């Protein structure tokens, strides 16, 4: 049975004085590869005096480029979407026979395309020790991916970390804890050291609850590329493959290129507020009709 949810996500920046904003790049629209049906979507920017142009970045992510026409004391980005969440089998994909067992050698054309997704971080002692724990004997490729995701999940305790940025592999292992973006970047680096093309994903996670305590949050996870299957989502926060509640917004070789909102602003004291509201809808909600064409 599918459940329908209305999600409102608002990011508000309040400045101590009116400031000039450079172009703001907003990656908060469900990506083309999203498997969760998105029944409606709207992006609202305040103040109203602005220019907004939708485009796709070089990685194929939807991106809104917003340019304010005058200095502002407040800048607000609001997403309203309706999603339909149904149970899916995260293993419902086909892997080419030559890639079914690890290690495998991708076709030369694929090797060239995956080069940006195989750049490596510095190999520190803690990261090297973690890699040394992973057996190198041949085994099923999907089996290996599930084991590595579970390993990172077991090693890194999840914490909410409001500070910006992503810890590198050595720091998150030294701490033994991290945000979803920290553990996801660690997983990306482990996968790359094992020969996979891997990328960082930012998105929404909607988690239905049988008792009605449904939850939604901005989230991050990793994806590995498998010949035949394409990009397969792996979530080290849960230790499982990405499922129906994972709504990707942007995927990139590095976390900065998948940031939900990025852009330049004049130096000023800033108050940042984030709000996420999730509402379960009746079985047959009245959704707004799509805009007419022509």
C-alpha atoms as a PDB file:
ATOM      1  CA  UNK A   1       0.000   0.000   0.000  1.00  0.00           C
ATOM      2  CA  UNK A   2       1.344   3.410  -0.975  1.00  0.00           C
ATOM      3  CA  UNK A   3       1.309   6.330   1.449  1.00  0.00           C
ATOM      4  CA  UNK A   4       1.194   9.942   0.309  1.00  0.00           C
ATOM      5  CA  UNK A   5       2.980  12.726   2.134  1.00  0.00           C
ATOM      6  CA  UNK A   6       3.104  16.494   1.871  1.00  0.00           C
ATOM      7  CA  UNK A   7       6.556  17.871   2.687  1.00  0.00           C
ATOM      8  CA  UNK A   8       7.416  21.532   3.305  1.00  0.00           C
ATOM      9  CA  UNK A   9      11.080  22.421   3.705  1.00  0.00           C
ATOM     10  CA  UNK A  10      11.997  26.041   4.456  1.00  0.00           C
ATOM     11  CA  UNK A  11      15.496  27.551   4.793  1.00  0.00           C
ATOM     12  CA  UNK A  12      15.623  31.155   6.006  1.00  0.00           C
ATOM     13  CA  UNK A  13      18.662  33.418   6.299  1.00  0.00           C
ATOM     14  CA  UNK A  14      18.295  36.661   8.270  1.00  0.00           C
ATOM     15  CA  UNK A  15      21.057  39.243   8.023  1.00  0.00           C
ATOM     16  CA  UNK A  16      21.945  41.996  10.481  1.00  0.00           C
ATOM     17  CA  UNK A  17      21.718  44.491   7.595  1.00  0.00           C
ATOM     18  CA  UNK A  18      20.689  44.515   3.964  1.00  0.00           C
ATOM     19  CA  UNK A  19      23.354  42.626   2.003  1.00  0.00           C
ATOM     20  CA  UNK A  20      24.057  41.908  -1.646  1.00  0.00           C
ATOM     21  CA  UNK A  21      23.745  38.252  -2.647  1.00  0.00           C
ATOM     22  CA  UNK A  22      25.637  36.685  -5.504  1.00  0.00           C
ATOM     23  CA  UNK A  23      23.852  34.078  -7.639  1.00  0.00           C
ATOM     24  CA  UNK A  24      22.365  31.409  -5.371  1.00  0.00           C
ATOM     25  CA  UNK A  25      22.433  27.833  -6.692  1.00  0.00           C
ATOM     26  CA  UNK A  26      19.617  25.707  -5.283  1.00  0.00           C
ATOM     27  CA  UNK A  27      19.629  21.924  -5.682  1.00  0.00           C
ATOM     28  CA  UNK A  28      16.361  21.038  -3.977  1.00  0.00           C
ATOM     29  CA  UNK A  29      14.357  19.450  -6.792  1.00  0.00           C
ATOM     30  CA  UNK A  30      14.024  15.656  -6.973  1.00  0.00           C
ATOM     31  CA  UNK A  31      16.634  14.276  -9.363  1.00  0.00           C
ATOM     32  CA  UNK A  32      15.785  12.532 -12.661  1.00  0.00           C
ATOM     33  CA  UNK A  33      16.761   9.141 -11.203  1.00  0.00           C
ATOM     34  CA  UNK A  34      14.372   9.444  -8.235  1.00  0.00           C
ATOM     35  CA  UNK A  35      12.377   6.208  -7.885  1.00  0.00           C
ATOM     36  CA  UNK A  36       9.781   7.713  -5.527  1.00  0.00           C
ATOM     37  CA  UNK A  37       6.805   9.175  -7.427  1.00  0.00           C
ATOM     38  CA  UNK A  38       6.685  12.961  -6.924  1.00  0.00           C
ATOM     39  CA  UNK A  39       3.090  14.034  -7.472  1.00  0.00           C
ATOM     40  CA  UNK A  40       3.588  17.788  -7.112  1.00  0.00           C
ATOM     41  CA  UNK A  41       6.491  20.181  -6.606  1.00  0.00           C
ATOM     42  CA  UNK A  42       6.927  23.914  -6.057  1.00  0.00           C
ATOM     43  CA  UNK A  43       9.879  26.152  -5.188  1.00  0.00           C
ATOM     44  CA  UNK A  44       9.213  29.559  -3.645  1.00  0.00           C
ATOM     45  CA  UNK A  45      11.862  32.252  -3.166  1.00  0.00           C
ATOM     46  CA  UNK A  46      11.492  35.364  -0.992  1.00  0.00           C
ATOM     47  CA  UNK A  47      11.790  38.322  -1.361  1.00  0.00           C
ATOM     48  CA  UNK A  48       9.797  38.370  -4.575  1.00  0.00           C
ATOM     49  CA  UNK A  49      12.221  40.720  -6.381  1.00  0.00           C
ATOM     50  CA  UNK A  50      14.436  38.096  -8.008  1.00  0.00           C
ATOM     51  CA  UNK A  51      15.187  36.204 -11.206  1.00  0.00           C
ATOM     52  CA  UNK A  52      14.952  32.405 -11.207  1.00  0.00           C
ATOM     53  CA  UNK A  53      16.128  30.120 -14.002  1.00  0.00           C
ATOM     54  CA  UNK A  54      15.983  26.333 -13.933  1.00  0.00           C
ATOM     55  CA  UNK A  55      18.863  24.439 -15.509  1.00  0.00           C
ATOM     56  CA  UNK A  56      20.741  21.163 -15.241  1.00  0.00           C
ATOM     57  CA  UNK A  57      24.319  21.269 -14.020  1.00  0.00           C
ATOM     58  CA  UNK A  58      27.043  19.305 -15.880  1.00  0.00           C
ATOM     59  CA  UNK A  59      26.235  16.281 -13.691  1.00  0.00           C
ATOM     60  CA  UNK A  60      22.567  16.233 -14.721  1.00  0.00           C
ATOM     61  CA  UNK A  61      21.186  17.586 -11.423  1.00  0.00           C
ATOM     62  CA  UNK A  62      18.266  20.008 -11.540  1.00  0.00           C
ATOM     63  CA  UNK A  63      19.438  23.398 -10.280  1.00  0.00           C
ATOM     64  CA  UNK A  64      17.671  26.719  -9.807  1.00  0.00           C
ATOM     65  CA  UNK A  65      19.870  29.790 -10.287  1.00  0.00           C
ATOM     66  CA  UNK A  66      18.447  32.666  -8.286  1.00  0.00           C
ATOM     67  CA  UNK A  67      19.613  36.256  -8.624  1.00  0.00           C
ATOM     68  CA  UNK A  68      18.247  38.920  -6.269  1.00  0.00           C
ATOM     69  CA  UNK A  69      17.679  42.298  -7.912  1.00  0.00           C
ATOM     70  CA  UNK A  70      18.460  44.366  -4.791  1.00  0.00           C
ATOM     71  CA  UNK A  71      20.115  43.971  -1.354  1.00  0.00           C
ATOM     72  CA  UNK A  72      18.089  41.918   1.121  1.00  0.00           C
ATOM     73  CA  UNK A  73      17.848  41.580   4.899  1.00  0.00           C
ATOM     74  CA  UNK A  74      16.188  38.178   4.583  1.00  0.00           C
ATOM     75  CA  UNK A  75      16.435  35.337   2.082  1.00  0.00           C
ATOM     76  CA  UNK A  76      14.063  32.366   2.168  1.00  0.00           C
ATOM     77  CA  UNK A  77      13.855  29.164   0.115  1.00  0.00           C
ATOM     78  CA  UNK A  78      10.736  26.992   0.466  1.00  0.00           C
ATOM     79  CA  UNK A  79      10.091  23.618  -1.145  1.00  0.00           C
ATOM     80  CA  UNK A  80       6.606  22.104  -1.198  1.00  0.00           C
ATOM     81  CA  UNK A  81       6.249  18.611  -2.627  1.00  0.00           C
ATOM     82  CA  UNK A  82       3.942  15.631  -2.486  1.00  0.00           C
ATOM     83  CA  UNK A  83       5.497  12.171  -2.610  1.00  0.00           C
ATOM     84  CA  UNK A  84       4.070   8.677  -2.765  1.00  0.00           C
ATOM     85  CA  UNK A  85       5.960   6.162  -0.624  1.00  0.00           C
ATOM     86  CA  UNK A  86       5.539   2.456  -1.319  1.00  0.00           C
ATOM     87  CA  UNK A  87       7.662  -0.528  -0.359  1.00  0.00           C
ATOM     88  CA  UNK A  88      10.235  -1.346  -3.009  1.00  0.00           C
ATOM     89  CA  UNK A  89      12.844  -4.062  -3.309  1.00  0.00           C
ATOM     90  CA  UNK A  90      16.224  -2.254  -3.180  1.00  0.00           C
ATOM     91  CA  UNK A  91      17.845  -5.315  -4.802  1.00  0.00           C
ATOM     92  CA  UNK A  92      15.590  -5.129  -7.855  1.00  0.00           C
ATOM     93  CA  UNK A  93      18.345  -4.541 -10.397  1.00  0.00           C
ATOM     94  CA  UNK A  94      20.406  -6.537 -12.870  1.00  0.00           C
ATOM     95  CA  UNK A  95      24.205  -6.705 -12.788  1.00  0.00           C
ATOM     96  CA  UNK A  96      26.065  -7.632 -15.949  1.00  0.00           C
ATOM     97  CA  UNK A  97      27.597 -11.139 -15.664  1.00  0.00           C
ATOM     98  CA  UNK A  98      31.145  -9.802 -15.960  1.00  0.00           C
ATOM     99  CA  UNK A  99      30.547  -7.551 -12.909  1.00  0.00           C
ATOM    100  CA  UNK A 100      28.586 -10.013 -10.764  1.00  0.00           C
ATOM    101  CA  UNK A 101      31.732 -11.038  -8.881  1.00  0.00           C
ATOM    102  CA  UNK A 102      34.310  -8.697  -7.352  1.00  0.00           C
ATOM    103  CA  UNK A 103      36.930  -7.723  -8.334  1.00  0.00           C
ATOM    104  CA  UNK A 104      35.957  -6.990 -11.922  1.00  0.00           C
ATOM    105  CA  UNK A 105      37.324  -4.784 -14.700  1.00  0.00           C
ATOM    106  CA  UNK A 106      34.848  -2.338 -16.289  1.00  0.00           C
ATOM    107  CA  UNK A 107      34.843  -1.762 -20.033  1.00  0.00           C
ATOM    108  CA  UNK A 108      37.382   0.889 -21.157  1.00  0.00           C
ATOM    109  CA  UNK A 109      34.664   3.397 -22.104  1.00  0.00           C
ATOM    110  CA  UNK A 110      33.133   3.080 -18.628  1.00  0.00           C
ATOM    111  CA  UNK A 111      36.515   3.516 -16.944  1.00  0.00           C
ATOM    112  CA  UNK A 112      36.909   6.883 -18.691  1.00  0.00           C
ATOM    113  CA  UNK A 113      33.421   8.045 -17.708  1.00  0.00           C
ATOM    114  CA  UNK A 114      33.900   7.091 -14.052  1.00  0.00           C
ATOM    115  CA  UNK A 115      37.242   8.908 -13.589  1.00  0.00           C
ATOM    116  CA  UNK A 116      35.712  11.851 -11.632  1.00  0.00           C
ATOM    117  CA  UNK A 117      34.060   9.301  -9.315  1.00  0.00           C
ATOM    118  CA  UNK A 118      37.338   7.595  -8.438  1.00  0.00           C
ATOM    119  CA  UNK A 119      39.359  10.514  -7.047  1.00  0.00           C
ATOM    120  CA  UNK A 120      40.916   9.539  -3.735  1.00  0.00           C
ATOM    121  CA  UNK A 121      41.380  11.366  -0.437  1.00  0.00           C
ATOM    122  CA  UNK A 122      44.612  11.198   1.528  1.00  0.00           C
ATOM    123  CA  UNK A 123      45.243   7.717   2.947  1.00  0.00           C
ATOM    124  CA  UNK A 124      45.846   8.268   6.668  1.00  0.00           C
ATOM    125  CA  UNK A 125      46.711   5.535   9.188  1.00  0.00           C
ATOM    126  CA  UNK A 126      43.165   5.047  10.520  1.00  0.00           C
ATOM    127  CA  UNK A 127      41.702   4.846   7.028  1.00  0.00           C
ATOM    128  CA  UNK A 128      44.438   2.410   5.965  1.00  0.00           C
ATOM    129  CA  UNK A 129      43.651   0.232   9.000  1.00  0.00           C
ATOM    130  CA  UNK A 130      39.951   0.175   8.093  1.00  0.00           C
ATOM    131  CA  UNK A 131      40.759  -0.866   4.515  1.00  0.00           C
ATOM    132  CA  UNK A 132      43.043  -3.617   5.827  1.00  0.00           C
ATOM    133  CA  UNK A 133      40.062  -5.180   7.625  1.00  0.00           C
ATOM    134  CA  UNK A 134      38.270  -5.809   4.344  1.00  0.00           C
ATOM    135  CA  UNK A 135      39.056  -9.274   2.897  1.00  0.00           C
ATOM    136  CA  UNK A 136      40.288  -9.179  -0.699  1.00  0.00           C
ATOM    137  CA  UNK A 137      39.098 -12.650  -1.654  1.00  0.00           C
ATOM    138  CA  UNK A 138      36.686 -12.775  -4.629  1.00  0.00           C
ATOM    139  CA  UNK A 139      33.002 -12.666  -3.756  1.00  0.00           C
ATOM    140  CA  UNK A 140      29.640 -11.480  -5.063  1.00  0.00           C
ATOM    141  CA  UNK A 141      29.703  -7.774  -5.914  1.00  0.00           C
ATOM    142  CA  UNK A 142      26.338  -6.987  -4.308  1.00  0.00           C
ATOM    143  CA  UNK A 143      27.339  -9.004  -1.241  1.00  0.00           C
ATOM    144  CA  UNK A 144      30.491  -6.895  -0.918  1.00  0.00           C
ATOM    145  CA  UNK A 145      28.563  -3.619  -1.200  1.00  0.00           C
ATOM    146  CA  UNK A 146      26.135  -4.639   1.560  1.00  0.00           C
ATOM    147  CA  UNK A 147      29.026  -5.714   3.800  1.00  0.00           C
ATOM    148  CA  UNK A 148      30.938  -2.452   3.311  1.00  0.00           C
ATOM    149  CA  UNK A 149      27.825  -0.360   3.986  1.00  0.00           C
ATOM    150  CA  UNK A 150      27.201  -2.319   7.184  1.00  0.00           C
ATOM    151  CA  UNK A 151      30.852  -1.935   8.205  1.00  0.00           C
ATOM    152  CA  UNK A 152      30.757   1.861   7.984  1.00  0.00           C
ATOM    153  CA  UNK A 153      27.409   1.863   9.808  1.00  0.00           C
ATOM    154  CA  UNK A 154      28.888  -0.189  12.657  1.00  0.00           C
ATOM    155  CA  UNK A 155      32.062   1.873  12.890  1.00  0.00           C
ATOM    156  CA  UNK A 156      30.579   5.411  12.771  1.00  0.00           C
ATOM    157  CA  UNK A 157      27.916   6.418  15.290  1.00  0.00           C
ATOM    158  CA  UNK A 158      25.339   8.802  13.855  1.00  0.00           C
ATOM    159  CA  UNK A 159      25.107  12.292  15.378  1.00  0.00           C
ATOM    160  CA  UNK A 160      23.445  15.481  14.208  1.00  0.00           C
ATOM    161  CA  UNK A 161      26.247  17.926  13.428  1.00  0.00           C
ATOM    162  CA  UNK A 162      25.045  21.446  12.553  1.00  0.00           C
ATOM    163  CA  UNK A 163      28.502  22.757  11.626  1.00  0.00           C
ATOM    164  CA  UNK A 164      29.019  23.167   7.865  1.00  0.00           C
ATOM    165  CA  UNK A 165      31.397  21.038   5.840  1.00  0.00           C
ATOM    166  CA  UNK A 166      32.233  17.348   5.657  1.00  0.00           C
ATOM    167  CA  UNK A 167      34.893  15.580   7.692  1.00  0.00           C
ATOM    168  CA  UNK A 168      37.506  13.636   5.757  1.00  0.00           C
ATOM    169  CA  UNK A 169      37.969   9.901   6.262  1.00  0.00           C
ATOM    170  CA  UNK A 170      40.702  10.218   8.869  1.00  0.00           C
ATOM    171  CA  UNK A 171      38.784  12.670  11.046  1.00  0.00           C
ATOM    172  CA  UNK A 172      35.481  10.783  11.060  1.00  0.00           C
ATOM    173  CA  UNK A 173      37.307   7.554  11.966  1.00  0.00           C
ATOM    174  CA  UNK A 174      39.204   9.346  14.742  1.00  0.00           C
ATOM    175  CA  UNK A 175      35.918  10.674  16.144  1.00  0.00           C
ATOM    176  CA  UNK A 176      34.065   7.381  15.690  1.00  0.00           C
ATOM    177  CA  UNK A 177      30.948   9.418  14.992  1.00  0.00           C
ATOM    178  CA  UNK A 178      29.631  11.803  12.399  1.00  0.00           C
ATOM    179  CA  UNK A 179      26.673  13.186  10.521  1.00  0.00           C
ATOM    180  CA  UNK A 180      25.100  11.356   7.593  1.00  0.00           C
ATOM    181  CA  UNK A 181      27.262  13.394   5.207  1.00  0.00           C
ATOM    182  CA  UNK A 182      30.448  12.428   7.093  1.00  0.00           C
ATOM    183  CA  UNK A 183      29.769   8.678   7.060  1.00  0.00           C
ATOM    184  CA  UNK A 184      28.558   8.846   3.453  1.00  0.00           C
ATOM    185  CA  UNK A 185      31.781  10.506   2.303  1.00  0.00           C
ATOM    186  CA  UNK A 186      33.752   7.854   4.185  1.00  0.00           C
ATOM    187  CA  UNK A 187      31.765   5.151   2.384  1.00  0.00           C
ATOM    188  CA  UNK A 188      32.416   6.845  -0.974  1.00  0.00           C
ATOM    189  CA  UNK A 189      36.159   6.799  -0.273  1.00  0.00           C
ATOM    190  CA  UNK A 190      36.139   3.137   0.816  1.00  0.00           C
ATOM    191  CA  UNK A 191      34.270   2.142  -2.346  1.00  0.00           C
ATOM    192  CA  UNK A 192      36.730   4.035  -4.532  1.00  0.00           C
ATOM    193  CA  UNK A 193      39.687   2.321  -2.848  1.00  0.00           C
ATOM    194  CA  UNK A 194      38.058  -1.001  -3.796  1.00  0.00           C
ATOM    195  CA  UNK A 195      37.829   0.035  -7.449  1.00  0.00           C
ATOM    196  CA  UNK A 196      34.214   1.236  -7.668  1.00  0.00           C
ATOM    197  CA  UNK A 197      32.999   4.466  -9.175  1.00  0.00           C
ATOM    198  CA  UNK A 198      31.205   6.122  -6.243  1.00  0.00           C
ATOM    199  CA  UNK A 199      29.445   9.426  -5.672  1.00  0.00           C
ATOM    200  CA  UNK A 200      27.948  11.510  -2.866  1.00  0.00           C
ATOM    201  CA  UNK A 201      24.174  12.077  -2.792  1.00  0.00           C
ATOM    202  CA  UNK A 202      22.127  14.691  -0.954  1.00  0.00           C
ATOM    203  CA  UNK A 203      18.371  14.342  -0.670  1.00  0.00           C
ATOM    204  CA  UNK A 204      15.298  13.980   1.492  1.00  0.00           C
ATOM    205  CA  UNK A 205      14.567  10.952   3.628  1.00  0.00           C
ATOM    206  CA  UNK A 206      10.916  10.295   4.497  1.00  0.00           C
ATOM    207  CA  UNK A 207      10.402   7.611   7.149  1.00  0.00           C
ATOM    208  CA  UNK A 208       6.799   6.481   7.710  1.00  0.00           C
ATOM    209  CA  UNK A 209       5.971   5.135  11.151  1.00  0.00           C
ATOM    210  CA  UNK A 210       3.231   2.644  12.010  1.00  0.00           C
ATOM    211  CA  UNK A 211       2.341   4.722  15.076  1.00  0.00           C
ATOM    212  CA  UNK A 212       1.987   7.892  13.025  1.00  0.00           C
ATOM    213  CA  UNK A 213       5.289   9.450  14.120  1.00  0.00           C
ATOM    214  CA  UNK A 214       6.367  10.020  10.533  1.00  0.00           C
ATOM    215  CA  UNK A 215       9.645  11.857  10.027  1.00  0.00           C
ATOM    216  CA  UNK A 216      11.488  13.679   7.249  1.00  0.00           C
ATOM    217  CA  UNK A 217      14.933  15.244   7.037  1.00  0.00           C
ATOM    218  CA  UNK A 218      17.646  16.393   4.715  1.00  0.00           C
ATOM    219  CA  UNK A 219      19.901  13.381   4.327  1.00  0.00           C
ATOM    220  CA  UNK A 220      23.012  12.118   2.569  1.00  0.00           C
ATOM    221  CA  UNK A 221      24.089   8.731   1.299  1.00  0.00           C
ATOM    222  CA  UNK A 222      26.434   7.155  -1.255  1.00  0.00           C
ATOM    223  CA  UNK A 223      25.975   5.491  -4.624  1.00  0.00           C
ATOM    224  CA  UNK A 224      28.186   2.930  -6.363  1.00  0.00           C
ATOM    225  CA  UNK A 225      28.079   2.306 -10.099  1.00  0.00           C
ATOM    226  CA  UNK A 226      27.483  -1.284 -11.221  1.00  0.00           C
ATOM    227  CA  UNK A 227      27.477  -2.267 -14.910  1.00  0.00           C
ATOM    228  CA  UNK A 228      23.923  -3.248 -15.775  1.00  0.00           C
ATOM    229  CA  UNK A 229      22.381  -1.817 -12.605  1.00  0.00           C
ATOM    230  CA  UNK A 230      23.641   1.761 -12.868  1.00  0.00           C
ATOM    231  CA  UNK A 231      23.953   3.801  -9.668  1.00  0.00           C
ATOM    232  CA  UNK A 232      22.983   1.810  -6.559  1.00  0.00           C
ATOM    233  CA  UNK A 233      22.172   3.758  -3.370  1.00  0.00           C
ATOM    234  CA  UNK A 234      23.896   2.758  -0.109  1.00  0.00           C
ATOM    235  CA  UNK A 235      22.997   4.410   3.197  1.00  0.00           C
ATOM    236  CA  UNK A 236      25.651   4.041   5.927  1.00  0.00           C
ATOM    237  CA  UNK A 237      23.396   5.756   8.484  1.00  0.00           C
ATOM    238  CA  UNK A 238      21.058   2.748   8.412  1.00  0.00           C
ATOM    239  CA  UNK A 239      23.600   0.242   7.058  1.00  0.00           C
ATOM    240  CA  UNK A 240      21.164  -0.678   4.269  1.00  0.00           C
ATOM    241  CA  UNK A 241      20.569  -0.003   0.595  1.00  0.00           C
ATOM    242  CA  UNK A 242      18.583   3.132  -0.195  1.00  0.00           C
ATOM    243  CA  UNK A 243      14.836   2.505  -0.320  1.00  0.00           C
ATOM    244  CA  UNK A 244      11.542   4.151  -1.201  1.00  0.00           C
ATOM    245  CA  UNK A 245      11.866   6.963   1.329  1.00  0.00           C
ATOM    246  CA  UNK A 246      15.157   8.173  -0.177  1.00  0.00           C
ATOM    247  CA  UNK A 247      14.478  11.092  -2.530  1.00  0.00           C
ATOM    248  CA  UNK A 248      17.731  12.155  -4.241  1.00  0.00           C
ATOM    249  CA  UNK A 249      18.149  15.853  -4.986  1.00  0.00           C
ATOM    250  CA  UNK A 250      21.740  16.008  -6.249  1.00  0.00           C
ATOM    251  CA  UNK A 251      24.573  13.537  -6.849  1.00  0.00           C
ATOM    252  CA  UNK A 252      28.190  14.543  -7.436  1.00  0.00           C
ATOM    253  CA  UNK A 253      31.803  13.338  -7.194  1.00  0.00           C
ATOM    254  CA  UNK A 254      32.240  15.499  -4.056  1.00  0.00           C
ATOM    255  CA  UNK A 255      29.904  16.851  -1.343  1.00  0.00           C
ATOM    256  CA  UNK A 256      30.345  20.540  -2.255  1.00  0.00           C
ATOM    257  CA  UNK A 257      28.938  19.957  -5.747  1.00  0.00           C
ATOM    258  CA  UNK A 258      25.795  18.411  -4.229  1.00  0.00           C
ATOM    259  CA  UNK A 259      25.155  21.147  -1.641  1.00  0.00           C
ATOM    260  CA  UNK A 260      21.419  21.965  -1.355  1.00  0.00           C
ATOM    261  CA  UNK A 261      22.087  25.742  -1.385  1.00  0.00           C
ATOM    262  CA  UNK A 262      25.320  27.505  -2.289  1.00  0.00           C
ATOM    263  CA  UNK A 263      26.296  31.043  -3.270  1.00  0.00           C
ATOM    264  CA  UNK A 264      28.191  34.169  -2.239  1.00  0.00           C
ATOM    265  CA  UNK A 265      26.952  36.758   0.251  1.00  0.00           C
ATOM    266  CA  UNK A 266      28.395  39.937   1.737  1.00  0.00           C
ATOM    267  CA  UNK A 267      29.977  39.486   5.162  1.00  0.00           C
ATOM    268  CA  UNK A 268      27.325  40.091   7.825  1.00  0.00           C
ATOM    269  CA  UNK A 269      26.049  38.519  11.018  1.00  0.00           C
ATOM    270  CA  UNK A 270      23.584  35.829   9.924  1.00  0.00           C
ATOM    271  CA  UNK A 271      20.811  33.897  11.638  1.00  0.00           C
ATOM    272  CA  UNK A 272      19.946  30.640   9.890  1.00  0.00           C
ATOM    273  CA  UNK A 273      16.651  28.833  10.420  1.00  0.00           C
ATOM    274  CA  UNK A 274      15.604  25.471   9.000  1.00  0.00           C
ATOM    275  CA  UNK A 275      12.091  24.048   9.142  1.00  0.00           C
ATOM    276  CA  UNK A 276      10.775  20.696   7.925  1.00  0.00           C
ATOM    277  CA  UNK A 277       7.077  19.808   8.062  1.00  0.00           C
ATOM    278  CA  UNK A 278       5.692  16.430   7.007  1.00  0.00           C
ATOM    279  CA  UNK A 279       2.009  15.605   6.761  1.00  0.00           C
ATOM    280  CA  UNK A 280       0.435  12.273   5.860  1.00  0.00           C
ATOM    281  CA  UNK A 281      -2.336  12.760   3.295  1.00  0.00           C
ATOM    282  CA  UNK A 282      -5.616  10.868   2.924  1.00  0.00           C
ATOM    283  CA  UNK A 283      -5.596   8.003   0.440  1.00  0.00           C
ATOM    284  CA  UNK A 284      -7.120  10.130  -2.322  1.00  0.00           C
ATOM    285  CA  UNK A 285      -5.817  13.656  -1.755  1.00  0.00           C
ATOM    286  CA  UNK A 286      -6.875  16.542  -3.927  1.00  0.00           C
ATOM    287  CA  UNK A 287      -3.631  17.535  -5.607  1.00  0.00           C
ATOM    288  CA  UNK A 288      -3.176  20.706  -7.650  1.00  0.00           C
ATOM    289  CA  UNK A 289      -3.491  20.120 -11.357  1.00  0.00           C
ATOM    290  CA  UNK A 290      -0.334  20.576 -13.396  1.00  0.00           C
ATOM    291  CA  UNK A 291      -0.102  23.855 -15.309  1.00  0.00           C
ATOM    292  CA  UNK A 292      -1.703  23.893 -18.744  1.00  0.00           C
ATOM    293  CA  UNK A 293       0.530  24.096 -21.804  1.00  0.00           C
ATOM    294  CA  UNK A 294       0.025  26.078 -24.934  1.00  0.00           C
END
